[in-house]
């Protein structure tokens, strides 16, 4: 079976990308495929912020993604440099639970374990 890596680069709150990643991952796992990792880069790191305050009628897709990844043992990584550059995390601001800080080098090394990388 195919082993996927998922790369999210656009702001999940400003586009459909976060919902698309979550739906793709759920469907892939349900059909027996493996998701080796999900990596958030560029503006996608805004999803990592524990300070996000969504309206009551909006689903918290970033938390849903974290819970899904924890349930299925999928590493949910974010680029620490991109997050620091955007003020999402720092010495006083921690990431949302379930998200793991990583660098581009780790992301690059993980590409050897996958068959296909899909970018959202």
PDB file of N, CA and C in Angstrom:
ATOM      1  N   UNK A   1       0.833  -1.192   0.000  1.00  0.00           N
ATOM      2  CA  UNK A   1       0.000   0.000   0.000  1.00  0.00           C
ATOM      3  C   UNK A   1       0.876   1.254   0.000  1.00  0.00           C
ATOM      4  N   UNK A   2       0.322   2.292  -0.511  1.00  0.00           N
ATOM      5  CA  UNK A   2       1.029   3.560  -0.626  1.00  0.00           C
ATOM      6  C   UNK A   2       1.199   4.223   0.743  1.00  0.00           C
ATOM      7  N   UNK A   3       2.375   4.783   0.965  1.00  0.00           N
ATOM      8  CA  UNK A   3       2.666   5.552   2.181  1.00  0.00           C
ATOM      9  C   UNK A   3       2.742   7.022   1.785  1.00  0.00           C
ATOM     10  N   UNK A   4       1.895   7.832   2.416  1.00  0.00           N
ATOM     11  CA  UNK A   4       1.789   9.244   2.080  1.00  0.00           C
ATOM     12  C   UNK A   4       2.468  10.127   3.116  1.00  0.00           C
ATOM     13  N   UNK A   5       2.987  11.238   2.648  1.00  0.00           N
ATOM     14  CA  UNK A   5       3.381  12.366   3.478  1.00  0.00           C
ATOM     15  C   UNK A   5       2.491  13.518   3.042  1.00  0.00           C
ATOM     16  N   UNK A   6       1.978  14.268   3.996  1.00  0.00           N
ATOM     17  CA  UNK A   6       1.099  15.396   3.682  1.00  0.00           C
ATOM     18  C   UNK A   6       1.783  16.686   4.089  1.00  0.00           C
ATOM     19  N   UNK A   7       1.772  17.655   3.198  1.00  0.00           N
ATOM     20  CA  UNK A   7       2.395  18.955   3.424  1.00  0.00           C
ATOM     21  C   UNK A   7       1.332  20.027   3.307  1.00  0.00           C
ATOM     22  N   UNK A   8       1.152  20.777   4.366  1.00  0.00           N
ATOM     23  CA  UNK A   8       0.180  21.864   4.380  1.00  0.00           C
ATOM     24  C   UNK A   8       0.950  23.175   4.431  1.00  0.00           C
ATOM     25  N   UNK A   9       0.720  24.057   3.425  1.00  0.00           N
ATOM     26  CA  UNK A   9       1.469  25.311   3.365  1.00  0.00           C
ATOM     27  C   UNK A   9       0.595  26.554   3.474  1.00  0.00           C
ATOM     28  N   UNK A  10      -0.696  26.442   3.248  1.00  0.00           N
ATOM     29  CA  UNK A  10      -1.553  27.630   3.306  1.00  0.00           C
ATOM     30  C   UNK A  10      -2.272  27.710   4.642  1.00  0.00           C
ATOM     31  N   UNK A  11      -2.634  28.898   5.024  1.00  0.00           N
ATOM     32  CA  UNK A  11      -3.307  29.149   6.294  1.00  0.00           C
ATOM     33  C   UNK A  11      -4.622  28.378   6.330  1.00  0.00           C
ATOM     34  N   UNK A  12      -4.725  27.459   7.259  1.00  0.00           N
ATOM     35  CA  UNK A  12      -5.907  26.619   7.372  1.00  0.00           C
ATOM     36  C   UNK A  12      -7.172  27.356   7.765  1.00  0.00           C
ATOM     37  N   UNK A  13      -7.029  28.553   8.317  1.00  0.00           N
ATOM     38  CA  UNK A  13      -8.203  29.330   8.706  1.00  0.00           C
ATOM     39  C   UNK A  13      -8.652  30.261   7.592  1.00  0.00           C
ATOM     40  N   UNK A  14      -7.802  30.488   6.610  1.00  0.00           N
ATOM     41  CA  UNK A  14      -8.126  31.398   5.511  1.00  0.00           C
ATOM     42  C   UNK A  14      -8.464  30.648   4.221  1.00  0.00           C
ATOM     43  N   UNK A  15      -8.407  29.337   4.267  1.00  0.00           N
ATOM     44  CA  UNK A  15      -8.681  28.537   3.076  1.00  0.00           C
ATOM     45  C   UNK A  15      -9.314  27.209   3.496  1.00  0.00           C
ATOM     46  N   UNK A  16      -9.580  26.394   2.525  1.00  0.00           N
ATOM     47  CA  UNK A  16     -10.185  25.076   2.743  1.00  0.00           C
ATOM     48  C   UNK A  16      -9.127  24.015   3.019  1.00  0.00           C
ATOM     49  N   UNK A  17      -7.858  24.394   3.030  1.00  0.00           N
ATOM     50  CA  UNK A  17      -6.773  23.419   3.075  1.00  0.00           C
ATOM     51  C   UNK A  17      -6.778  22.535   4.323  1.00  0.00           C
ATOM     52  N   UNK A  18      -7.075  23.075   5.473  1.00  0.00           N
ATOM     53  CA  UNK A  18      -7.072  22.283   6.700  1.00  0.00           C
ATOM     54  C   UNK A  18      -8.170  21.224   6.657  1.00  0.00           C
ATOM     55  N   UNK A  19      -9.337  21.608   6.183  1.00  0.00           N
ATOM     56  CA  UNK A  19     -10.435  20.645   6.034  1.00  0.00           C
ATOM     57  C   UNK A  19     -10.071  19.579   5.010  1.00  0.00           C
ATOM     58  N   UNK A  20      -9.389  19.978   3.946  1.00  0.00           N
ATOM     59  CA  UNK A  20      -8.994  19.027   2.899  1.00  0.00           C
ATOM     60  C   UNK A  20      -7.964  18.020   3.414  1.00  0.00           C
ATOM     61  N   UNK A  21      -6.990  18.491   4.182  1.00  0.00           N
ATOM     62  CA  UNK A  21      -5.989  17.593   4.762  1.00  0.00           C
ATOM     63  C   UNK A  21      -6.663  16.585   5.686  1.00  0.00           C
ATOM     64  N   UNK A  22      -7.536  17.062   6.528  1.00  0.00           N
ATOM     65  CA  UNK A  22      -8.221  16.195   7.476  1.00  0.00           C
ATOM     66  C   UNK A  22      -9.066  15.155   6.744  1.00  0.00           C
ATOM     67  N   UNK A  23      -9.805  15.578   5.742  1.00  0.00           N
ATOM     68  CA  UNK A  23     -10.642  14.651   4.984  1.00  0.00           C
ATOM     69  C   UNK A  23      -9.796  13.629   4.228  1.00  0.00           C
ATOM     70  N   UNK A  24      -8.721  14.087   3.597  1.00  0.00           N
ATOM     71  CA  UNK A  24      -7.839  13.161   2.885  1.00  0.00           C
ATOM     72  C   UNK A  24      -7.255  12.132   3.847  1.00  0.00           C
ATOM     73  N   UNK A  25      -6.749  12.590   4.988  1.00  0.00           N
ATOM     74  CA  UNK A  25      -6.126  11.682   5.959  1.00  0.00           C
ATOM     75  C   UNK A  25      -7.133  10.659   6.476  1.00  0.00           C
ATOM     76  N   UNK A  26      -8.322  11.101   6.808  1.00  0.00           N
ATOM     77  CA  UNK A  26      -9.362  10.167   7.294  1.00  0.00           C
ATOM     78  C   UNK A  26      -9.681   9.113   6.243  1.00  0.00           C
ATOM     79  N   UNK A  27      -9.860   9.552   5.017  1.00  0.00           N
ATOM     80  CA  UNK A  27     -10.201   8.629   3.939  1.00  0.00           C
ATOM     81  C   UNK A  27      -9.062   7.659   3.661  1.00  0.00           C
ATOM     82  N   UNK A  28      -7.835   8.160   3.620  1.00  0.00           N
ATOM     83  CA  UNK A  28      -6.677   7.304   3.345  1.00  0.00           C
ATOM     84  C   UNK A  28      -6.529   6.226   4.415  1.00  0.00           C
ATOM     85  N   UNK A  29      -6.618   6.616   5.672  1.00  0.00           N
ATOM     86  CA  UNK A  29      -6.487   5.651   6.765  1.00  0.00           C
ATOM     87  C   UNK A  29      -7.631   4.642   6.717  1.00  0.00           C
ATOM     88  N   UNK A  30      -8.821   5.118   6.454  1.00  0.00           N
ATOM     89  CA  UNK A  30      -9.996   4.244   6.380  1.00  0.00           C
ATOM     90  C   UNK A  30      -9.834   3.200   5.270  1.00  0.00           C
ATOM     91  N   UNK A  31      -9.164   3.563   4.188  1.00  0.00           N
ATOM     92  CA  UNK A  31      -8.978   2.640   3.071  1.00  0.00           C
ATOM     93  C   UNK A  31      -7.691   1.819   3.181  1.00  0.00           C
ATOM     94  N   UNK A  32      -7.000   1.921   4.306  1.00  0.00           N
ATOM     95  CA  UNK A  32      -5.840   1.084   4.565  1.00  0.00           C
ATOM     96  C   UNK A  32      -4.502   1.661   4.160  1.00  0.00           C
ATOM     97  N   UNK A  33      -4.473   2.907   3.712  1.00  0.00           N
ATOM     98  CA  UNK A  33      -3.206   3.548   3.368  1.00  0.00           C
ATOM     99  C   UNK A  33      -2.538   4.060   4.637  1.00  0.00           C
ATOM    100  N   UNK A  34      -1.260   4.354   4.530  1.00  0.00           N
ATOM    101  CA  UNK A  34      -0.492   4.855   5.665  1.00  0.00           C
ATOM    102  C   UNK A  34      -0.163   6.320   5.451  1.00  0.00           C
ATOM    103  N   UNK A  35      -0.394   7.107   6.481  1.00  0.00           N
ATOM    104  CA  UNK A  35       0.067   8.494   6.503  1.00  0.00           C
ATOM    105  C   UNK A  35       1.295   8.497   7.401  1.00  0.00           C
ATOM    106  N   UNK A  36       2.455   8.712   6.820  1.00  0.00           N
ATOM    107  CA  UNK A  36       3.708   8.672   7.575  1.00  0.00           C
ATOM    108  C   UNK A  36       3.916   9.927   8.419  1.00  0.00           C
ATOM    109  N   UNK A  37       3.446  11.068   7.934  1.00  0.00           N
ATOM    110  CA  UNK A  37       3.577  12.321   8.675  1.00  0.00           C
ATOM    111  C   UNK A  37       2.730  13.398   8.003  1.00  0.00           C
ATOM    112  N   UNK A  38       2.421  14.410   8.784  1.00  0.00           N
ATOM    113  CA  UNK A  38       1.807  15.635   8.275  1.00  0.00           C
ATOM    114  C   UNK A  38       2.708  16.769   8.731  1.00  0.00           C
ATOM    115  N   UNK A  39       3.084  17.627   7.795  1.00  0.00           N
ATOM    116  CA  UNK A  39       4.013  18.715   8.103  1.00  0.00           C
ATOM    117  C   UNK A  39       3.378  20.046   7.723  1.00  0.00           C
ATOM    118  N   UNK A  40       3.346  20.968   8.665  1.00  0.00           N
ATOM    119  CA  UNK A  40       2.815  22.309   8.433  1.00  0.00           C
ATOM    120  C   UNK A  40       3.976  23.273   8.239  1.00  0.00           C
ATOM    121  N   UNK A  41       3.892  24.032   7.148  1.00  0.00           N
ATOM    122  CA  UNK A  41       4.970  24.933   6.767  1.00  0.00           C
ATOM    123  C   UNK A  41       4.359  26.239   6.265  1.00  0.00           C
ATOM    124  N   UNK A  42       5.153  27.277   6.209  1.00  0.00           N
ATOM    125  CA  UNK A  42       4.742  28.610   5.768  1.00  0.00           C
ATOM    126  C   UNK A  42       3.528  29.059   6.596  1.00  0.00           C
ATOM    127  N   UNK A  43       2.476  29.608   5.974  1.00  0.00           N
ATOM    128  CA  UNK A  43       1.342  30.142   6.735  1.00  0.00           C
ATOM    129  C   UNK A  43       0.496  29.072   7.424  1.00  0.00           C
ATOM    130  N   UNK A  44       0.700  27.817   7.096  1.00  0.00           N
ATOM    131  CA  UNK A  44      -0.049  26.744   7.755  1.00  0.00           C
ATOM    132  C   UNK A  44       0.263  26.669   9.248  1.00  0.00           C
ATOM    133  N   UNK A  45       1.410  27.209   9.662  1.00  0.00           N
ATOM    134  CA  UNK A  45       1.774  27.143  11.078  1.00  0.00           C
ATOM    135  C   UNK A  45       0.825  27.951  11.966  1.00  0.00           C
ATOM    136  N   UNK A  46       0.017  28.831  11.394  1.00  0.00           N
ATOM    137  CA  UNK A  46      -0.966  29.557  12.208  1.00  0.00           C
ATOM    138  C   UNK A  46      -1.932  28.592  12.895  1.00  0.00           C
ATOM    139  N   UNK A  47      -2.125  27.416  12.338  1.00  0.00           N
ATOM    140  CA  UNK A  47      -3.013  26.405  12.934  1.00  0.00           C
ATOM    141  C   UNK A  47      -2.482  25.868  14.253  1.00  0.00           C
ATOM    142  N   UNK A  48      -1.198  26.031  14.485  1.00  0.00           N
ATOM    143  CA  UNK A  48      -0.521  25.482  15.656  1.00  0.00           C
ATOM    144  C   UNK A  48      -0.765  26.317  16.915  1.00  0.00           C
ATOM    145  N   UNK A  49      -1.173  27.543  16.740  1.00  0.00           N
ATOM    146  CA  UNK A  49      -1.310  28.464  17.866  1.00  0.00           C
ATOM    147  C   UNK A  49      -2.367  27.999  18.858  1.00  0.00           C
ATOM    148  N   UNK A  50      -1.975  27.936  20.121  1.00  0.00           N
ATOM    149  CA  UNK A  50      -2.924  27.605  21.187  1.00  0.00           C
ATOM    150  C   UNK A  50      -3.814  28.797  21.516  1.00  0.00           C
ATOM    151  N   UNK A  51      -3.487  29.970  20.962  1.00  0.00           N
ATOM    152  CA  UNK A  51      -4.246  31.189  21.244  1.00  0.00           C
ATOM    153  C   UNK A  51      -5.405  31.430  20.284  1.00  0.00           C
ATOM    154  N   UNK A  52      -5.593  30.560  19.299  1.00  0.00           N
ATOM    155  CA  UNK A  52      -6.682  30.762  18.344  1.00  0.00           C
ATOM    156  C   UNK A  52      -8.025  30.722  19.067  1.00  0.00           C
ATOM    157  N   UNK A  53      -8.845  31.721  18.821  1.00  0.00           N
ATOM    158  CA  UNK A  53     -10.161  31.821  19.448  1.00  0.00           C
ATOM    159  C   UNK A  53     -11.208  31.857  18.338  1.00  0.00           C
ATOM    160  N   UNK A  54     -11.786  30.709  18.073  1.00  0.00           N
ATOM    161  CA  UNK A  54     -12.745  30.595  16.973  1.00  0.00           C
ATOM    162  C   UNK A  54     -14.158  30.902  17.448  1.00  0.00           C
ATOM    163  N   UNK A  55     -15.008  31.405  16.560  1.00  0.00           N
ATOM    164  CA  UNK A  55     -16.421  31.584  16.899  1.00  0.00           C
ATOM    165  C   UNK A  55     -17.044  30.236  17.264  1.00  0.00           C
ATOM    166  N   UNK A  56     -18.060  30.255  18.093  1.00  0.00           N
ATOM    167  CA  UNK A  56     -18.684  29.031  18.594  1.00  0.00           C
ATOM    168  C   UNK A  56     -19.270  28.165  17.477  1.00  0.00           C
ATOM    169  N   UNK A  57     -19.651  28.793  16.367  1.00  0.00           N
ATOM    170  CA  UNK A  57     -20.270  28.021  15.286  1.00  0.00           C
ATOM    171  C   UNK A  57     -19.267  27.495  14.256  1.00  0.00           C
ATOM    172  N   UNK A  58     -17.970  27.697  14.484  1.00  0.00           N
ATOM    173  CA  UNK A  58     -16.937  27.196  13.578  1.00  0.00           C
ATOM    174  C   UNK A  58     -16.265  25.973  14.178  1.00  0.00           C
ATOM    175  N   UNK A  59     -16.085  24.929  13.374  1.00  0.00           N
ATOM    176  CA  UNK A  59     -15.376  23.752  13.905  1.00  0.00           C
ATOM    177  C   UNK A  59     -13.892  24.064  14.104  1.00  0.00           C
ATOM    178  N   UNK A  60     -13.319  23.482  15.133  1.00  0.00           N
ATOM    179  CA  UNK A  60     -11.887  23.665  15.410  1.00  0.00           C
ATOM    180  C   UNK A  60     -11.120  22.550  14.699  1.00  0.00           C
ATOM    181  N   UNK A  61     -10.890  22.760  13.412  1.00  0.00           N
ATOM    182  CA  UNK A  61     -10.262  21.724  12.594  1.00  0.00           C
ATOM    183  C   UNK A  61      -8.823  21.444  12.990  1.00  0.00           C
ATOM    184  N   UNK A  62      -8.119  22.435  13.521  1.00  0.00           N
ATOM    185  CA  UNK A  62      -6.732  22.192  13.924  1.00  0.00           C
ATOM    186  C   UNK A  62      -6.679  21.240  15.117  1.00  0.00           C
ATOM    187  N   UNK A  63      -7.634  21.351  16.025  1.00  0.00           N
ATOM    188  CA  UNK A  63      -7.712  20.408  17.144  1.00  0.00           C
ATOM    189  C   UNK A  63      -8.180  19.044  16.659  1.00  0.00           C
ATOM    190  N   UNK A  64      -9.145  19.018  15.743  1.00  0.00           N
ATOM    191  CA  UNK A  64      -9.608  17.745  15.181  1.00  0.00           C
ATOM    192  C   UNK A  64      -8.462  17.003  14.503  1.00  0.00           C
ATOM    193  N   UNK A  65      -7.619  17.740  13.779  1.00  0.00           N
ATOM    194  CA  UNK A  65      -6.475  17.119  13.118  1.00  0.00           C
ATOM    195  C   UNK A  65      -5.507  16.547  14.146  1.00  0.00           C
ATOM    196  N   UNK A  66      -5.249  17.295  15.208  1.00  0.00           N
ATOM    197  CA  UNK A  66      -4.336  16.819  16.257  1.00  0.00           C
ATOM    198  C   UNK A  66      -4.876  15.553  16.917  1.00  0.00           C
ATOM    199  N   UNK A  67      -6.157  15.529  17.213  1.00  0.00           N
ATOM    200  CA  UNK A  67      -6.778  14.357  17.839  1.00  0.00           C
ATOM    201  C   UNK A  67      -6.708  13.158  16.893  1.00  0.00           C
ATOM    202  N   UNK A  68      -7.035  13.373  15.628  1.00  0.00           N
ATOM    203  CA  UNK A  68      -6.970  12.302  14.630  1.00  0.00           C
ATOM    204  C   UNK A  68      -5.559  11.726  14.554  1.00  0.00           C
ATOM    205  N   UNK A  69      -4.568  12.600  14.487  1.00  0.00           N
ATOM    206  CA  UNK A  69      -3.181  12.138  14.393  1.00  0.00           C
ATOM    207  C   UNK A  69      -2.756  11.362  15.629  1.00  0.00           C
ATOM    208  N   UNK A  70      -3.176  11.809  16.793  1.00  0.00           N
ATOM    209  CA  UNK A  70      -2.846  11.098  18.020  1.00  0.00           C
ATOM    210  C   UNK A  70      -3.500   9.719  18.035  1.00  0.00           C
ATOM    211  N   UNK A  71      -4.746   9.634  17.592  1.00  0.00           N
ATOM    212  CA  UNK A  71      -5.463   8.357  17.564  1.00  0.00           C
ATOM    213  C   UNK A  71      -4.811   7.350  16.629  1.00  0.00           C
ATOM    214  N   UNK A  72      -4.204   7.832  15.550  1.00  0.00           N
ATOM    215  CA  UNK A  72      -3.646   6.946  14.534  1.00  0.00           C
ATOM    216  C   UNK A  72      -2.117   6.914  14.526  1.00  0.00           C
ATOM    217  N   UNK A  73      -1.504   7.556  15.490  1.00  0.00           N
ATOM    218  CA  UNK A  73      -0.044   7.523  15.603  1.00  0.00           C
ATOM    219  C   UNK A  73       0.672   8.202  14.452  1.00  0.00           C
ATOM    220  N   UNK A  74       0.078   9.264  13.930  1.00  0.00           N
ATOM    221  CA  UNK A  74       0.669  10.003  12.818  1.00  0.00           C
ATOM    222  C   UNK A  74       1.408  11.213  13.376  1.00  0.00           C
ATOM    223  N   UNK A  75       2.700  11.343  13.123  1.00  0.00           N
ATOM    224  CA  UNK A  75       3.416  12.530  13.587  1.00  0.00           C
ATOM    225  C   UNK A  75       2.857  13.796  12.911  1.00  0.00           C
ATOM    226  N   UNK A  76       2.465  14.750  13.729  1.00  0.00           N
ATOM    227  CA  UNK A  76       1.907  16.024  13.251  1.00  0.00           C
ATOM    228  C   UNK A  76       2.947  17.095  13.552  1.00  0.00           C
ATOM    229  N   UNK A  77       3.741  17.423  12.551  1.00  0.00           N
ATOM    230  CA  UNK A  77       4.897  18.287  12.711  1.00  0.00           C
ATOM    231  C   UNK A  77       4.634  19.681  12.168  1.00  0.00           C
ATOM    232  N   UNK A  78       5.321  20.663  12.730  1.00  0.00           N
ATOM    233  CA  UNK A  78       5.270  22.010  12.176  1.00  0.00           C
ATOM    234  C   UNK A  78       6.675  22.589  12.145  1.00  0.00           C
ATOM    235  N   UNK A  79       6.904  23.461  11.178  1.00  0.00           N
ATOM    236  CA  UNK A  79       8.210  24.090  11.036  1.00  0.00           C
ATOM    237  C   UNK A  79       8.389  25.130  12.142  1.00  0.00           C
ATOM    238  N   UNK A  80       9.314  24.876  13.017  1.00  0.00           N
ATOM    239  CA  UNK A  80       9.542  25.766  14.149  1.00  0.00           C
ATOM    240  C   UNK A  80      10.011  27.142  13.683  1.00  0.00           C
ATOM    241  N   UNK A  81      10.825  27.192  12.651  1.00  0.00           N
ATOM    242  CA  UNK A  81      11.317  28.481  12.160  1.00  0.00           C
ATOM    243  C   UNK A  81      10.178  29.325  11.606  1.00  0.00           C
ATOM    244  N   UNK A  82       9.305  28.711  10.810  1.00  0.00           N
ATOM    245  CA  UNK A  82       8.158  29.435  10.257  1.00  0.00           C
ATOM    246  C   UNK A  82       7.226  29.908  11.374  1.00  0.00           C
ATOM    247  N   UNK A  83       7.052  29.093  12.400  1.00  0.00           N
ATOM    248  CA  UNK A  83       6.176  29.459  13.515  1.00  0.00           C
ATOM    249  C   UNK A  83       6.767  30.602  14.337  1.00  0.00           C
ATOM    250  N   UNK A  84       8.061  30.549  14.590  1.00  0.00           N
ATOM    251  CA  UNK A  84       8.708  31.631  15.335  1.00  0.00           C
ATOM    252  C   UNK A  84       8.690  32.928  14.533  1.00  0.00           C
ATOM    253  N   UNK A  85       8.944  32.841  13.250  1.00  0.00           N
ATOM    254  CA  UNK A  85       8.956  34.014  12.375  1.00  0.00           C
ATOM    255  C   UNK A  85       7.605  34.723  12.366  1.00  0.00           C
ATOM    256  N   UNK A  86       6.521  33.946  12.486  1.00  0.00           N
ATOM    257  CA  UNK A  86       5.172  34.504  12.453  1.00  0.00           C
ATOM    258  C   UNK A  86       4.613  34.803  13.849  1.00  0.00           C
ATOM    259  N   UNK A  87       5.414  34.575  14.879  1.00  0.00           N
ATOM    260  CA  UNK A  87       4.986  34.866  16.242  1.00  0.00           C
ATOM    261  C   UNK A  87       3.984  33.872  16.801  1.00  0.00           C
ATOM    262  N   UNK A  88       3.916  32.700  16.199  1.00  0.00           N
ATOM    263  CA  UNK A  88       2.960  31.677  16.635  1.00  0.00           C
ATOM    264  C   UNK A  88       3.454  30.985  17.906  1.00  0.00           C
ATOM    265  N   UNK A  89       4.740  30.701  17.960  1.00  0.00           N
ATOM    266  CA  UNK A  89       5.350  30.116  19.158  1.00  0.00           C
ATOM    267  C   UNK A  89       6.605  30.901  19.501  1.00  0.00           C
ATOM    268  N   UNK A  90       6.917  30.929  20.772  1.00  0.00           N
ATOM    269  CA  UNK A  90       8.155  31.524  21.271  1.00  0.00           C
ATOM    270  C   UNK A  90       8.368  31.021  22.686  1.00  0.00           C
ATOM    271  N   UNK A  91       9.243  31.643  23.429  1.00  0.00           N
ATOM    272  CA  UNK A  91       9.531  31.156  24.781  1.00  0.00           C
ATOM    273  C   UNK A  91       8.319  31.262  25.709  1.00  0.00           C
ATOM    274  N   UNK A  92       7.373  32.139  25.383  1.00  0.00           N
ATOM    275  CA  UNK A  92       6.175  32.298  26.216  1.00  0.00           C
ATOM    276  C   UNK A  92       4.936  31.633  25.626  1.00  0.00           C
ATOM    277  N   UNK A  93       4.938  31.374  24.332  1.00  0.00           N
ATOM    278  CA  UNK A  93       3.788  30.779  23.643  1.00  0.00           C
ATOM    279  C   UNK A  93       4.119  29.355  23.215  1.00  0.00           C
ATOM    280  N   UNK A  94       3.376  28.418  23.751  1.00  0.00           N
ATOM    281  CA  UNK A  94       3.569  27.018  23.394  1.00  0.00           C
ATOM    282  C   UNK A  94       2.592  26.626  22.278  1.00  0.00           C
ATOM    283  N   UNK A  95       2.939  25.612  21.479  1.00  0.00           N
ATOM    284  CA  UNK A  95       2.017  25.164  20.438  1.00  0.00           C
ATOM    285  C   UNK A  95       0.826  24.429  21.033  1.00  0.00           C
ATOM    286  N   UNK A  96      -0.198  24.310  20.242  1.00  0.00           N
ATOM    287  CA  UNK A  96      -1.382  23.553  20.628  1.00  0.00           C
ATOM    288  C   UNK A  96      -0.962  22.106  20.882  1.00  0.00           C
ATOM    289  N   UNK A  97      -1.622  21.458  21.805  1.00  0.00           N
ATOM    290  CA  UNK A  97      -1.309  20.081  22.146  1.00  0.00           C
ATOM    291  C   UNK A  97      -1.460  19.175  20.917  1.00  0.00           C
ATOM    292  N   UNK A  98      -0.492  18.298  20.737  1.00  0.00           N
ATOM    293  CA  UNK A  98      -0.524  17.354  19.633  1.00  0.00           C
ATOM    294  C   UNK A  98       0.375  17.738  18.473  1.00  0.00           C
ATOM    295  N   UNK A  99       0.844  18.981  18.455  1.00  0.00           N
ATOM    296  CA  UNK A  99       1.714  19.457  17.386  1.00  0.00           C
ATOM    297  C   UNK A  99       3.166  19.385  17.855  1.00  0.00           C
ATOM    298  N   UNK A 100       4.044  18.918  16.970  1.00  0.00           N
ATOM    299  CA  UNK A 100       5.442  18.691  17.319  1.00  0.00           C
ATOM    300  C   UNK A 100       6.333  19.616  16.485  1.00  0.00           C
ATOM    301  N   UNK A 101       7.190  20.365  17.156  1.00  0.00           N
ATOM    302  CA  UNK A 101       8.125  21.257  16.460  1.00  0.00           C
ATOM    303  C   UNK A 101       9.190  20.433  15.742  1.00  0.00           C
ATOM    304  N   UNK A 102       9.500  20.851  14.520  1.00  0.00           N
ATOM    305  CA  UNK A 102      10.524  20.173  13.723  1.00  0.00           C
ATOM    306  C   UNK A 102      11.152  21.193  12.781  1.00  0.00           C
ATOM    307  N   UNK A 103      12.228  20.811  12.184  1.00  0.00           N
ATOM    308  CA  UNK A 103      12.879  21.670  11.203  1.00  0.00           C
ATOM    309  C   UNK A 103      12.729  21.101   9.804  1.00  0.00           C
ATOM    310  N   UNK A 104      13.142  21.880   8.834  1.00  0.00           N
ATOM    311  CA  UNK A 104      13.067  21.419   7.449  1.00  0.00           C
ATOM    312  C   UNK A 104      13.967  20.207   7.202  1.00  0.00           C
ATOM    313  N   UNK A 105      15.049  20.101   7.926  1.00  0.00           N
ATOM    314  CA  UNK A 105      15.935  18.946   7.763  1.00  0.00           C
ATOM    315  C   UNK A 105      15.211  17.659   8.145  1.00  0.00           C
ATOM    316  N   UNK A 106      14.472  17.695   9.237  1.00  0.00           N
ATOM    317  CA  UNK A 106      13.703  16.510   9.636  1.00  0.00           C
ATOM    318  C   UNK A 106      12.639  16.182   8.594  1.00  0.00           C
ATOM    319  N   UNK A 107      11.965  17.223   8.100  1.00  0.00           N
ATOM    320  CA  UNK A 107      10.972  17.013   7.046  1.00  0.00           C
ATOM    321  C   UNK A 107      11.614  16.350   5.833  1.00  0.00           C
ATOM    322  N   UNK A 108      12.772  16.834   5.420  1.00  0.00           N
ATOM    323  CA  UNK A 108      13.467  16.274   4.261  1.00  0.00           C
ATOM    324  C   UNK A 108      13.853  14.809   4.496  1.00  0.00           C
ATOM    325  N   UNK A 109      14.326  14.498   5.679  1.00  0.00           N
ATOM    326  CA  UNK A 109      14.716  13.120   5.985  1.00  0.00           C
ATOM    327  C   UNK A 109      13.513  12.181   5.961  1.00  0.00           C
ATOM    328  N   UNK A 110      12.368  12.671   6.372  1.00  0.00           N
ATOM    329  CA  UNK A 110      11.157  11.841   6.392  1.00  0.00           C
ATOM    330  C   UNK A 110      10.657  11.495   4.988  1.00  0.00           C
ATOM    331  N   UNK A 111      11.101  12.233   3.985  1.00  0.00           N
ATOM    332  CA  UNK A 111      10.645  11.965   2.622  1.00  0.00           C
ATOM    333  C   UNK A 111      11.142  10.618   2.106  1.00  0.00           C
ATOM    334  N   UNK A 112      12.186  10.079   2.713  1.00  0.00           N
ATOM    335  CA  UNK A 112      12.700   8.780   2.272  1.00  0.00           C
ATOM    336  C   UNK A 112      11.775   7.634   2.675  1.00  0.00           C
ATOM    337  N   UNK A 113      10.853   7.891   3.595  1.00  0.00           N
ATOM    338  CA  UNK A 113       9.952   6.842   4.094  1.00  0.00           C
ATOM    339  C   UNK A 113       8.594   6.830   3.401  1.00  0.00           C
ATOM    340  N   UNK A 114       8.388   7.680   2.414  1.00  0.00           N
ATOM    341  CA  UNK A 114       7.080   7.780   1.779  1.00  0.00           C
ATOM    342  C   UNK A 114       7.156   7.439   0.295  1.00  0.00           C
ATOM    343  N   UNK A 115       5.994   7.137  -0.254  1.00  0.00           N
ATOM    344  CA  UNK A 115       5.887   6.908  -1.690  1.00  0.00           C
ATOM    345  C   UNK A 115       5.420   8.164  -2.412  1.00  0.00           C
ATOM    346  N   UNK A 116       4.553   8.928  -1.757  1.00  0.00           N
ATOM    347  CA  UNK A 116       3.997  10.141  -2.381  1.00  0.00           C
ATOM    348  C   UNK A 116       3.850  11.249  -1.349  1.00  0.00           C
ATOM    349  N   UNK A 117       4.185  12.460  -1.784  1.00  0.00           N
ATOM    350  CA  UNK A 117       3.979  13.656  -0.980  1.00  0.00           C
ATOM    351  C   UNK A 117       2.853  14.442  -1.617  1.00  0.00           C
ATOM    352  N   UNK A 118       1.870  14.784  -0.813  1.00  0.00           N
ATOM    353  CA  UNK A 118       0.742  15.571  -1.318  1.00  0.00           C
ATOM    354  C   UNK A 118       0.721  16.903  -0.589  1.00  0.00           C
ATOM    355  N   UNK A 119       0.684  17.984  -1.367  1.00  0.00           N
ATOM    356  CA  UNK A 119       0.693  19.335  -0.794  1.00  0.00           C
ATOM    357  C   UNK A 119      -0.710  19.929  -0.852  1.00  0.00           C
ATOM    358  N   UNK A 120      -1.096  20.563   0.242  1.00  0.00           N
ATOM    359  CA  UNK A 120      -2.390  21.252   0.336  1.00  0.00           C
ATOM    360  C   UNK A 120      -2.144  22.723   0.564  1.00  0.00           C
TER     361      UNK A 120
END
